[in-house]
C-alpha cells in the first residue's frame, strides 16, 4: 500500500509539472503575440508568468525525482 501511495504521489507530481510546462508555453505564446502588437507591458507580464510556470514545473519534477529515489530506497530495503 505504501508503494502505491508513493507511485500515486510521483504520478501526481509529474502531472503537475506537465501542466505547469503547458501553462508556460501558453504564456510564452501570449507574450510573443503581445510583443508583435507592440504591447510591451503585457508581453513582459506574460513572459514573467511563463518564467514562473517553468520554475514551478521544474520544482515539481525535482520533487517527483526525489520521491522516486525514496521509492527505490524502499524497494531495496524490502
C-alpha atoms as a PDB file:
ATOM      1  CA  UNK A   1       0.000   0.000   0.000  1.00  0.00           C
ATOM      2  CA  UNK A   2       2.861   2.355   0.792  1.00  0.00           C
ATOM      3  CA  UNK A   3       4.349   1.694  -2.648  1.00  0.00           C
ATOM      4  CA  UNK A   4       1.045   2.546  -4.327  1.00  0.00           C
ATOM      5  CA  UNK A   5       0.788   5.804  -2.382  1.00  0.00           C
ATOM      6  CA  UNK A   6       4.336   6.744  -3.392  1.00  0.00           C
ATOM      7  CA  UNK A   7       3.604   5.846  -7.004  1.00  0.00           C
ATOM      8  CA  UNK A   8       0.462   7.959  -6.963  1.00  0.00           C
ATOM      9  CA  UNK A   9       2.389  10.873  -5.453  1.00  0.00           C
ATOM     10  CA  UNK A  10       5.088  10.600  -8.133  1.00  0.00           C
ATOM     11  CA  UNK A  11       2.480  10.471 -10.900  1.00  0.00           C
ATOM     12  CA  UNK A  12       0.672  13.499  -9.484  1.00  0.00           C
ATOM     13  CA  UNK A  13       3.898  15.488  -9.242  1.00  0.00           C
ATOM     14  CA  UNK A  14       4.811  14.602 -12.840  1.00  0.00           C
ATOM     15  CA  UNK A  15       1.312  15.609 -13.964  1.00  0.00           C
ATOM     16  CA  UNK A  16       1.597  18.930 -12.136  1.00  0.00           C
ATOM     17  CA  UNK A  17       4.966  19.500 -13.781  1.00  0.00           C
ATOM     18  CA  UNK A  18       3.497  18.855 -17.230  1.00  0.00           C
ATOM     19  CA  UNK A  19       0.594  21.203 -16.525  1.00  0.00           C
ATOM     20  CA  UNK A  20       2.976  23.968 -15.471  1.00  0.00           C
ATOM     21  CA  UNK A  21       5.023  23.449 -18.637  1.00  0.00           C
ATOM     22  CA  UNK A  22       1.833  23.730 -20.704  1.00  0.00           C
ATOM     23  CA  UNK A  23       0.920  26.970 -18.937  1.00  0.00           C
ATOM     24  CA  UNK A  24       4.450  28.260 -19.501  1.00  0.00           C
ATOM     25  CA  UNK A  25       4.220  27.543 -23.218  1.00  0.00           C
ATOM     26  CA  UNK A  26       0.818  29.219 -23.472  1.00  0.00           C
ATOM     27  CA  UNK A  27       2.034  32.309 -21.602  1.00  0.00           C
ATOM     28  CA  UNK A  28       5.092  32.459 -23.847  1.00  0.00           C
ATOM     29  CA  UNK A  29       2.821  32.465 -26.908  1.00  0.00           C
ATOM     30  CA  UNK A  30       0.754  35.245 -25.376  1.00  0.00           C
ATOM     31  CA  UNK A  31       3.951  37.193 -24.658  1.00  0.00           C
ATOM     32  CA  UNK A  32       5.025  36.832 -28.284  1.00  0.00           C
ATOM     33  CA  UNK A  33       1.606  37.898 -29.577  1.00  0.00           C
ATOM     34  CA  UNK A  34       1.648  40.984 -27.370  1.00  0.00           C
ATOM     35  CA  UNK A  35       5.194  41.800 -28.388  1.00  0.00           C
ATOM     36  CA  UNK A  36       4.201  41.584 -32.048  1.00  0.00           C
ATOM     37  CA  UNK A  37       1.366  44.037 -31.328  1.00  0.00           C
ATOM     38  CA  UNK A  38       3.808  46.399 -29.557  1.00  0.00           C
ATOM     39  CA  UNK A  39       2.032  45.869 -26.254  1.00  0.00           C
ATOM     40  CA  UNK A  40       5.261  45.580 -24.319  1.00  0.00           C
ATOM     41  CA  UNK A  41       3.813  45.802 -20.810  1.00  0.00           C
ATOM     42  CA  UNK A  42       1.531  42.833 -21.405  1.00  0.00           C
ATOM     43  CA  UNK A  43       4.312  40.992 -23.254  1.00  0.00           C
ATOM     44  CA  UNK A  44       6.626  41.384 -20.277  1.00  0.00           C
ATOM     45  CA  UNK A  45       3.944  40.247 -17.851  1.00  0.00           C
ATOM     46  CA  UNK A  46       3.194  37.095 -19.869  1.00  0.00           C
ATOM     47  CA  UNK A  47       6.920  36.412 -20.202  1.00  0.00           C
ATOM     48  CA  UNK A  48       7.256  36.687 -16.421  1.00  0.00           C
ATOM     49  CA  UNK A  49       4.306  34.327 -15.919  1.00  0.00           C
ATOM     50  CA  UNK A  50       5.903  31.890 -18.346  1.00  0.00           C
ATOM     51  CA  UNK A  51       9.158  32.004 -16.406  1.00  0.00           C
ATOM     52  CA  UNK A  52       7.371  31.443 -13.084  1.00  0.00           C
ATOM     53  CA  UNK A  53       5.457  28.491 -14.546  1.00  0.00           C
ATOM     54  CA  UNK A  54       8.712  26.989 -15.826  1.00  0.00           C
ATOM     55  CA  UNK A  55      10.250  27.296 -12.365  1.00  0.00           C
ATOM     56  CA  UNK A  56       7.190  25.657 -10.790  1.00  0.00           C
ATOM     57  CA  UNK A  57       7.351  22.863 -13.373  1.00  0.00           C
ATOM     58  CA  UNK A  58      10.999  22.231 -12.579  1.00  0.00           C
ATOM     59  CA  UNK A  59      10.280  22.205  -8.860  1.00  0.00           C
ATOM     60  CA  UNK A  60       7.519  19.618  -9.301  1.00  0.00           C
ATOM     61  CA  UNK A  61       9.790  17.489 -11.492  1.00  0.00           C
ATOM     62  CA  UNK A  62      12.561  17.662  -8.883  1.00  0.00           C
ATOM     63  CA  UNK A  63      10.127  16.660  -6.144  1.00  0.00           C
ATOM     64  CA  UNK A  64       8.970  13.738  -8.282  1.00  0.00           C
ATOM     65  CA  UNK A  65      12.595  12.680  -8.762  1.00  0.00           C
ATOM     66  CA  UNK A  66      13.189  12.834  -5.004  1.00  0.00           C
ATOM     67  CA  UNK A  67      10.059  10.781  -4.350  1.00  0.00           C
ATOM     68  CA  UNK A  68      11.193   8.249  -6.947  1.00  0.00           C
ATOM     69  CA  UNK A  69      14.571   7.908  -5.216  1.00  0.00           C
ATOM     70  CA  UNK A  70      12.759   7.367  -1.939  1.00  0.00           C
ATOM     71  CA  UNK A  71      10.559   4.782  -3.682  1.00  0.00           C
ATOM     72  CA  UNK A  72      13.665   2.940  -4.904  1.00  0.00           C
ATOM     73  CA  UNK A  73      15.204   3.011  -1.431  1.00  0.00           C
ATOM     74  CA  UNK A  74      12.074   1.397  -0.019  1.00  0.00           C
ATOM     75  CA  UNK A  75      12.128  -1.255  -2.760  1.00  0.00           C
ATOM     76  CA  UNK A  76      15.742  -2.135  -2.000  1.00  0.00           C
ATOM     77  CA  UNK A  77      15.054  -2.244   1.723  1.00  0.00           C
ATOM     78  CA  UNK A  78      12.405  -4.918   1.255  1.00  0.00           C
END
